[in-house]
Protein backbone atom coordinates (compact mmCIF):
# COMPACT_ATOMS: atom_id res chain seq x y z
CA MET A 1 29.07 -36.52 1.98
CA VAL A 2 30.10 -40.09 2.54
CA TYR A 3 27.72 -43.18 2.40
CA ASN A 4 28.93 -46.54 3.38
CA GLN A 5 32.46 -45.29 3.17
CA ILE A 6 31.92 -44.20 -0.38
CA ASP A 7 32.43 -40.53 -1.43
CA ALA A 8 29.21 -39.50 -2.99
CA ALA A 9 30.94 -37.13 -5.33
CA SER A 10 32.88 -39.99 -6.90
CA ILE A 11 29.87 -42.18 -7.83
CA LYS A 12 29.63 -42.89 -11.49
CA LEU A 13 27.76 -45.13 -13.85
CA ASN A 14 30.04 -47.20 -16.10
CA ARG A 15 29.05 -48.87 -19.31
CA TYR A 16 31.00 -51.90 -20.72
CA SER A 17 31.25 -51.88 -24.49
CA GLU A 18 33.81 -53.12 -26.96
CA ASP A 19 35.87 -54.66 -24.06
CA VAL A 20 36.27 -51.33 -22.36
CA TRP A 21 34.62 -49.85 -19.30
CA THR A 22 33.67 -46.10 -19.91
CA ALA A 23 32.43 -43.82 -17.14
CA LEU A 24 29.24 -41.99 -18.24
CA PRO A 25 28.40 -38.51 -17.22
CA THR A 26 26.56 -39.02 -13.91
CA THR A 27 24.56 -36.35 -11.99
CA ARG A 28 23.20 -36.66 -8.45
CA THR A 29 19.62 -35.61 -8.65
CA ASP A 30 18.22 -36.13 -5.11
CA GLU A 31 18.84 -37.73 -1.77
CA ASP A 32 16.78 -38.75 1.19
CA THR A 33 17.60 -40.36 4.55
CA ALA A 34 18.16 -43.76 2.94
CA TYR A 35 19.26 -43.23 -0.69
CA LEU A 36 21.09 -41.15 -3.23
CA TYR A 37 19.52 -40.69 -6.60
CA PHE A 38 21.47 -40.32 -9.75
CA GLU A 39 20.85 -39.74 -13.45
CA SER A 40 22.97 -40.73 -16.43
CA GLN A 41 22.67 -41.05 -20.14
CA THR A 42 23.97 -43.96 -22.18
CA PRO A 43 24.57 -44.40 -25.91
CA GLY A 44 23.25 -47.93 -25.80
CA PHE A 45 22.44 -50.91 -23.74
CA SER A 46 25.23 -53.12 -22.33
CA PRO A 47 26.47 -54.27 -18.95
CA PHE A 48 26.67 -51.41 -16.50
CA ALA A 49 28.41 -50.92 -13.13
CA ILE A 50 28.11 -48.31 -10.49
CA THR A 51 31.40 -47.27 -8.94
CA GLY A 52 32.52 -44.98 -6.22
CA GLN A 53 35.82 -44.25 -4.55
CA GLU A 54 36.29 -45.30 -0.84
CA LYS A 55 36.68 -42.40 1.49
CA ILE A 56 38.80 -43.10 4.58
CA LEU A 57 37.70 -40.71 7.34
CA ILE A 58 40.33 -39.54 9.79
CA SER A 59 39.32 -37.90 12.98
CA PRO A 60 40.82 -34.34 13.46
CA ALA A 61 42.56 -35.51 16.72
CA VAL A 62 44.47 -38.24 14.76
CA ALA A 63 45.39 -35.98 11.89
CA GLU A 64 46.64 -33.30 14.35
CA THR A 65 48.80 -36.03 16.33
CA GLU A 66 50.24 -37.29 12.98
CA ALA A 67 51.20 -33.80 11.88
CA ILE A 68 52.87 -33.05 15.17
CA THR A 69 54.89 -36.39 15.30
CA GLU A 70 55.92 -36.25 11.62
CA ALA A 71 59.64 -35.73 11.24
CA PRO A 72 60.87 -32.79 9.18
CA MET A 73 62.12 -33.54 5.75
CA PRO A 74 65.91 -33.04 5.12
CA THR A 75 66.39 -30.01 2.94
CA ASP A 76 68.88 -31.94 0.66
CA ALA A 77 66.26 -34.63 -0.15
CA VAL A 78 64.74 -34.61 -3.59
CA THR A 79 61.28 -36.04 -3.84
CA THR A 80 59.18 -36.55 -6.89
CA PRO A 81 55.52 -36.97 -6.01
CA THR A 82 53.93 -39.77 -7.92
CA GLU A 83 50.13 -40.44 -8.22
CA VAL A 84 48.83 -43.69 -9.33
CA GLU A 85 45.18 -43.49 -10.10
CA THR A 86 43.47 -46.82 -9.67
CA PRO A 87 40.25 -47.40 -11.63
CA PRO A 88 37.04 -47.34 -9.51
CA GLU A 89 35.90 -50.76 -8.37
CA PRO A 90 32.30 -51.54 -8.68
CA THR A 91 30.38 -51.43 -5.36
CA PRO A 92 28.47 -54.65 -4.35
CA GLY A 93 25.20 -53.02 -5.12
CA GLY A 94 26.25 -52.64 -8.79
CA LYS A 95 25.61 -56.36 -9.36
CA TYR A 96 22.00 -55.89 -8.17
CA LEU A 97 21.49 -52.82 -10.34
CA LEU A 98 22.91 -54.73 -13.44
CA PHE A 99 20.37 -57.63 -12.67
CA GLY A 100 17.59 -55.29 -12.26
CA VAL A 101 18.32 -53.53 -15.62
CA VAL A 102 18.66 -56.82 -17.49
CA ALA A 103 15.32 -58.01 -15.95
CA LEU A 104 13.56 -54.72 -16.72
CA VAL A 105 14.80 -54.81 -20.36
CA THR A 106 13.73 -58.52 -20.56
CA ILE A 107 10.25 -57.72 -19.18
CA ALA A 108 9.84 -54.69 -21.48
CA GLY A 109 10.87 -56.70 -24.58
CA ALA A 110 8.48 -59.66 -23.66
CA TYR A 111 5.63 -57.09 -23.18
CA LEU A 112 6.29 -55.47 -26.54
CA TYR A 113 6.60 -58.84 -28.33
CA MET A 114 3.28 -59.97 -26.78
CA ARG A 115 1.62 -56.69 -27.63
CA LYS A 116 2.76 -56.85 -31.29
CA ARG A 117 1.68 -60.44 -31.54
CA GLN A 118 -1.78 -59.66 -30.33
CA GLY A 119 -2.28 -56.55 -32.48
C-alpha cells in the first residue's frame, strides 16, 4: 500500500546515536482511513526520524508501452547490473514526531520532578 507516495512497507523509525543513524525494528500494528500505526523499540532516548522510500507508481498502460517500444539488447553486449542503495530520507512528518517526543519527555520529566519535590 502507498501513502503520500511512500511505500508503507518501507517505513522505519531511525535513531541517531554516536553520530550514526540506525534503523530500529519497526512493525505496522494498525491502520485506518487516515493513518498508519507503527510500533518500535529503542535502546534509549535520542533524536529519532521516521523514514520511508518513495514509491513511483506507473500505470499499466505506460509500462506496457515502454516494454513494446524498448529496443532489444545486442547479444554481444556485456552488462553488469549495479545497484546503489541510497539511505532513506526522513519524511517531513518526522520533524513533528521528533518535536512531539522531545516535548513529551520534557513534560514527563517536569511532572516527575514536581511530584518528587512535593512528596
